[in-house]
Protein backbone atom coordinates (compact mmCIF):
# COMPACT_ATOMS: atom_id res chain seq x y z
CA MET A 1 -11.05 -71.98 -16.55
CA PRO A 2 -11.25 -75.82 -16.80
CA TYR A 3 -8.38 -76.24 -14.28
CA ASN A 4 -7.19 -74.79 -10.69
CA THR A 5 -3.33 -74.94 -10.74
CA THR A 6 -1.79 -75.38 -7.20
CA GLN A 7 1.88 -75.50 -6.43
CA ALA A 8 3.50 -78.89 -5.42
CA GLU A 9 6.29 -79.85 -3.72
CA GLY A 10 9.52 -79.11 -5.34
CA GLY A 11 7.97 -76.02 -7.18
CA CYS A 12 5.84 -78.18 -9.69
CA ALA A 13 2.53 -77.00 -10.77
CA VAL A 14 -0.26 -79.95 -10.82
CA GLU A 15 -3.72 -79.83 -12.07
CA ASN A 16 -6.92 -80.19 -10.18
CA ALA A 17 -9.40 -80.92 -12.96
CA LYS A 18 -13.17 -79.48 -12.76
CA MET A 19 -15.93 -80.84 -15.04
CA PRO A 20 -16.65 -77.94 -17.53
CA ALA A 21 -20.50 -77.02 -17.85
CA GLY A 22 -22.20 -77.92 -20.99
CA TYR A 23 -19.52 -80.44 -22.24
CA ALA A 24 -20.49 -82.58 -25.66
CA ARG A 25 -21.95 -86.08 -24.99
CA VAL A 26 -20.09 -88.75 -26.52
CA ASP A 27 -22.92 -89.52 -29.01
CA ASN A 28 -22.87 -85.82 -30.27
CA ALA A 29 -19.15 -85.80 -30.91
CA ARG A 30 -17.77 -84.40 -33.96
CA ILE A 31 -14.70 -86.62 -35.66
CA LEU A 32 -12.20 -85.42 -37.91
CA VAL A 33 -11.04 -88.14 -40.26
CA VAL A 34 -7.68 -87.54 -42.21
CA ASP A 35 -6.56 -89.93 -44.77
CA ASP A 36 -5.18 -89.40 -48.30
CA ASP A 37 -6.95 -92.45 -49.53
CA ARG A 38 -10.29 -91.05 -50.40
CA GLU A 39 -11.99 -94.41 -50.05
CA ILE A 40 -10.62 -95.32 -46.61
CA ALA A 41 -11.89 -91.97 -45.21
CA MET A 42 -15.33 -92.60 -46.77
CA ALA A 43 -15.50 -96.10 -45.22
CA ILE A 44 -14.46 -94.55 -41.92
CA GLU A 45 -16.99 -91.91 -42.30
CA LYS A 46 -20.04 -94.19 -42.82
CA LEU A 47 -18.90 -96.30 -40.00
CA LEU A 48 -18.99 -93.56 -37.52
CA ALA A 49 -21.91 -92.01 -39.22
CA ARG A 50 -23.85 -95.43 -38.16
CA GLU A 51 -22.69 -94.56 -34.52
CA GLY A 52 -24.22 -91.31 -34.61
CA TYR A 53 -21.06 -89.33 -35.09
CA GLU A 54 -20.66 -86.33 -37.17
CA VAL A 55 -17.82 -86.54 -39.28
CA ILE A 56 -15.18 -83.87 -41.28
CA LYS A 57 -12.83 -85.33 -43.69
CA ALA A 58 -9.45 -84.13 -44.91
CA TYR A 59 -6.88 -85.48 -47.09
CA ASP A 60 -3.59 -84.38 -45.98
CA GLY A 61 -2.10 -82.89 -42.75
CA MET A 62 -2.62 -78.93 -43.95
CA GLN A 63 -6.10 -79.76 -44.62
CA ALA A 64 -6.54 -81.29 -41.17
CA LEU A 65 -5.02 -78.00 -39.73
CA GLU A 66 -7.49 -76.05 -41.89
CA ALA A 67 -10.40 -77.98 -40.48
CA LEU A 68 -9.35 -77.69 -36.96
CA ALA A 69 -9.21 -73.93 -37.37
CA GLY A 70 -12.72 -73.65 -38.31
CA ASN A 71 -14.72 -76.40 -36.41
CA GLN A 72 -14.90 -77.71 -33.07
CA VAL A 73 -13.73 -81.16 -33.17
CA HIS A 74 -13.71 -83.98 -30.42
CA LEU A 75 -11.38 -86.61 -31.94
CA ILE A 76 -9.09 -86.74 -34.76
CA LEU A 77 -8.29 -90.32 -36.70
CA LEU A 78 -5.21 -89.59 -38.51
CA ASP A 79 -2.69 -91.30 -41.26
CA ILE A 80 0.79 -90.96 -41.08
CA MET A 81 1.83 -91.37 -44.68
CA MET A 82 0.19 -88.27 -46.36
CA PRO A 83 1.29 -85.49 -48.97
CA LYS A 84 2.14 -81.87 -48.01
CA LEU A 85 2.14 -82.59 -44.20
CA ASP A 86 2.54 -86.07 -42.77
CA GLY A 87 0.45 -87.32 -39.56
CA LEU A 88 3.32 -87.20 -37.28
CA SER A 89 4.26 -83.55 -38.27
CA ALA A 90 0.51 -82.83 -37.93
CA THR A 91 0.16 -84.37 -34.46
CA MET A 92 2.94 -82.22 -33.16
CA LYS A 93 1.46 -79.25 -34.51
CA ILE A 94 -1.92 -79.66 -33.02
CA ARG A 95 -0.31 -80.72 -29.67
CA GLU A 96 1.14 -77.08 -29.81
CA SER A 97 -2.41 -75.86 -28.82
CA ARG A 98 -4.89 -78.59 -28.33
CA ASN A 99 -5.40 -81.86 -26.29
CA ILE A 100 -8.17 -83.18 -28.82
CA PRO A 101 -7.79 -87.18 -28.67
CA ILE A 102 -5.62 -88.30 -31.67
CA ILE A 103 -5.85 -91.88 -32.92
CA ILE A 104 -3.47 -92.80 -35.54
CA ILE A 105 -4.43 -95.14 -38.14
CA SER A 106 -1.47 -96.41 -40.35
CA ALA A 107 -0.16 -99.35 -42.33
CA LYS A 108 3.22 -98.92 -40.28
CA SER A 109 2.90 -101.91 -37.92
CA GLU A 110 6.43 -102.16 -36.33
CA ASP A 111 6.46 -101.58 -32.70
CA SER A 112 8.89 -98.78 -33.29
CA ASP A 113 6.37 -96.85 -35.39
CA LYS A 114 3.69 -97.38 -32.78
CA ILE A 115 6.06 -95.96 -29.81
CA LEU A 116 7.13 -93.06 -32.27
CA GLY A 117 3.34 -92.29 -33.03
CA LEU A 118 2.66 -92.27 -29.24
CA SER A 119 5.84 -90.23 -28.20
CA MET A 120 4.71 -87.40 -30.85
CA GLY A 121 1.39 -87.15 -29.28
CA ALA A 122 -0.94 -89.63 -30.16
CA ASP A 123 -3.40 -91.23 -27.69
CA ASP A 124 -3.85 -94.41 -29.61
CA TYR A 125 -2.43 -96.38 -32.49
CA VAL A 126 -4.57 -98.67 -34.78
CA THR A 127 -2.91 -100.55 -37.60
CA LYS A 128 -4.26 -101.14 -41.27
CA PRO A 129 -6.29 -103.29 -41.90
CA PHE A 130 -8.25 -102.61 -38.89
CA ASN A 131 -11.42 -104.28 -37.35
CA PRO A 132 -14.40 -101.99 -37.76
CA GLN A 133 -15.63 -102.76 -34.31
CA GLU A 134 -12.28 -102.49 -32.71
CA LEU A 135 -12.06 -98.87 -34.17
CA VAL A 136 -15.19 -97.97 -32.97
CA ALA A 137 -14.71 -99.36 -29.52
CA ARG A 138 -11.30 -97.17 -29.48
CA VAL A 139 -12.91 -94.20 -30.64
CA LYS A 140 -15.66 -94.30 -27.80
CA SER A 141 -13.02 -95.09 -25.15
CA GLN A 142 -11.02 -91.91 -26.17
CA LEU A 143 -14.17 -89.67 -26.27
CA ARG A 144 -15.38 -90.96 -22.97
CA ARG A 145 -12.03 -90.26 -21.52
CA TYR A 146 -11.75 -86.73 -23.01
CA MET A 147 -15.29 -85.42 -22.54
CA HIS A 148 -15.97 -86.95 -18.94
CA LEU A 149 -12.71 -86.02 -17.42
CA GLY A 150 -13.14 -82.26 -18.22
CA ASP A 151 -10.84 -81.71 -21.20
CA ILE A 152 -12.56 -78.95 -23.46
CA ALA A 153 -12.04 -79.77 -27.27
CA ASN A 154 -11.08 -76.34 -28.79
CA GLY A 155 -9.56 -74.58 -25.77
CA PRO A 156 -6.01 -74.04 -25.18
CA LYS A 157 -3.90 -77.00 -23.98
CA SER A 158 -3.90 -77.06 -20.13
CA ALA A 159 -0.55 -77.19 -18.23
CA SER A 160 1.04 -80.69 -18.54
CA VAL A 161 3.51 -81.48 -16.02
CA LEU A 162 5.80 -84.66 -16.22
CA ARG A 163 7.46 -85.98 -12.84
CA THR A 164 9.64 -88.58 -11.86
CA GLY A 165 11.59 -88.08 -8.65
CA GLY A 166 12.85 -84.68 -8.16
CA LEU A 167 12.54 -83.99 -12.01
CA CYS A 168 9.67 -81.85 -13.18
CA LEU A 169 9.06 -80.66 -16.58
CA ASP A 170 6.33 -78.42 -17.54
CA THR A 171 5.43 -79.01 -21.06
CA GLU A 172 3.54 -75.79 -21.41
CA ALA A 173 6.15 -73.51 -20.16
CA LYS A 174 8.95 -75.57 -21.44
CA GLN A 175 10.70 -75.41 -17.99
CA LEU A 176 12.51 -78.01 -16.27
CA THR A 177 13.15 -78.05 -12.58
CA VAL A 178 15.51 -80.43 -10.54
CA ASP A 179 14.59 -80.65 -6.80
CA GLY A 180 12.98 -77.35 -7.23
CA GLU A 181 15.72 -75.62 -8.92
CA PRO A 182 15.41 -74.44 -12.51
CA VAL A 183 17.82 -76.00 -15.15
CA LYS A 184 18.34 -74.58 -18.48
CA LEU A 185 18.08 -76.89 -21.54
CA THR A 186 18.72 -76.47 -25.30
CA ALA A 187 15.94 -77.22 -27.62
CA LYS A 188 17.19 -80.39 -28.55
CA GLU A 189 18.07 -81.46 -24.88
CA TYR A 190 14.22 -80.32 -24.03
CA LYS A 191 12.74 -82.65 -26.75
CA ILE A 192 14.87 -85.63 -25.83
CA LEU A 193 14.20 -85.23 -22.10
CA GLU A 194 10.43 -84.79 -22.93
CA LEU A 195 10.25 -87.77 -25.28
CA LEU A 196 11.92 -90.04 -22.43
CA MET A 197 9.71 -88.64 -19.39
CA SER A 198 6.65 -88.96 -21.43
CA ASN A 199 7.37 -92.50 -21.67
CA PRO A 200 9.01 -93.78 -18.25
CA GLY A 201 10.68 -96.89 -18.27
CA VAL A 202 10.43 -97.19 -22.14
CA VAL A 203 13.69 -97.89 -23.82
CA PHE A 204 14.37 -95.65 -27.09
CA SER A 205 17.23 -96.53 -29.42
CA ALA A 206 19.26 -93.66 -30.66
CA GLU A 207 17.49 -94.12 -34.02
CA GLN A 208 14.34 -93.42 -32.60
CA ILE A 209 15.34 -90.43 -30.61
CA TYR A 210 17.12 -88.74 -33.50
CA GLU A 211 13.99 -89.36 -35.91
CA ALA A 212 11.66 -87.97 -33.07
CA VAL A 213 13.62 -85.05 -32.18
CA TRP A 214 15.80 -84.10 -35.40
CA LYS A 215 12.73 -85.15 -37.97
CA GLU A 216 15.17 -86.72 -40.29
CA VAL A 217 15.87 -90.30 -41.13
CA PRO A 218 18.44 -91.63 -38.72
CA TYR A 219 21.97 -92.20 -40.28
CA SER A 220 25.05 -92.73 -38.25
CA VAL A 221 23.29 -90.96 -35.35
CA GLU A 222 24.87 -92.70 -32.27
CA ASN A 223 27.55 -90.26 -31.31
CA THR A 224 25.20 -87.23 -31.61
CA VAL A 225 22.53 -88.68 -29.51
CA MET A 226 25.04 -89.94 -27.11
CA VAL A 227 26.53 -86.35 -26.62
CA HIS A 228 23.01 -84.79 -25.97
CA ILE A 229 22.37 -87.58 -23.42
CA ARG A 230 25.53 -86.88 -21.55
CA ARG A 231 25.01 -83.15 -21.37
CA ILE A 232 21.43 -83.73 -19.94
CA ARG A 233 22.90 -86.02 -17.52
CA GLU A 234 25.33 -83.33 -16.48
CA LYS A 235 22.35 -81.14 -15.97
CA ILE A 236 19.97 -83.37 -14.06
CA GLU A 237 22.07 -86.04 -12.09
CA ILE A 238 23.90 -85.38 -9.14
CA ASN A 239 26.53 -87.85 -10.20
CA PRO A 240 26.49 -88.19 -13.94
CA LYS A 241 28.59 -91.31 -13.95
CA GLU A 242 26.16 -93.08 -11.94
CA PRO A 243 22.74 -91.72 -13.07
CA LYS A 244 19.61 -92.10 -11.09
CA TYR A 245 17.16 -90.89 -13.85
CA LEU A 246 18.55 -91.19 -17.34
CA LYS A 247 20.07 -94.82 -17.73
CA VAL A 248 21.63 -96.52 -20.65
CA VAL A 249 20.46 -99.98 -21.70
CA TRP A 250 23.77 -101.27 -23.01
CA GLY A 251 23.34 -102.41 -26.85
CA ILE A 252 19.68 -101.20 -27.21
CA GLY A 253 19.21 -97.68 -26.10
CA TYR A 254 18.09 -95.04 -23.29
CA LYS A 255 15.29 -94.63 -20.86
CA ILE A 256 13.96 -92.55 -17.98
CA GLU A 257 13.59 -94.58 -14.73
CA LYS A 258 10.18 -94.56 -13.07
CA ILE A 259 10.86 -93.19 -9.49
């Protein structure tokens, strides 16, 4: 077992990582490159091969999932705009069972695009056109973190616990506790809270929340998101009218306070 799990104050599980025996060295890593532009995929393959990495290529999100099912992979470089299954959807599917580092490489360069990609589970975000040396440096950084801190590439995702103050969200068990007491959430409420607690202090607009949770292009969504925010507050706040955790930034959006 890669982790020992102990019980923290308030009924929240926390992880004590142990270094797994025989983990792969950084320079022996196998990297999955996913891009529907075959020339870009080939250029990245050549760049990484010069650094000593083994590279597997896929050209859409579905091929990426198939490649993961049949190979041990230590890091994924993933485009967003692809046929069959886009990069964000593929990232979410991967995160259901694996904790492999994912670096998004995309021509979408707005801050909102980067925030959305990171909130969906990516570990880093690089915009096209990219500096080859910078990309290699980011790959090496993620591999060092992944391999040397005790993650196992193809094993099940370890329990992940998000905490702020008395809020404790177990993203593996999909369970929320408030001051140690379990609280039931709907699927949409859970996804909103997970997004905000994964990015404490970051303000998300209603449109960004809607796109991340409903997986649809935002259109007149303010009231829908506001209703869900109100219901979450009623479940997690002592006084929903004077919230401690889930705050509104007027005219901008919503955030979870760092406590």
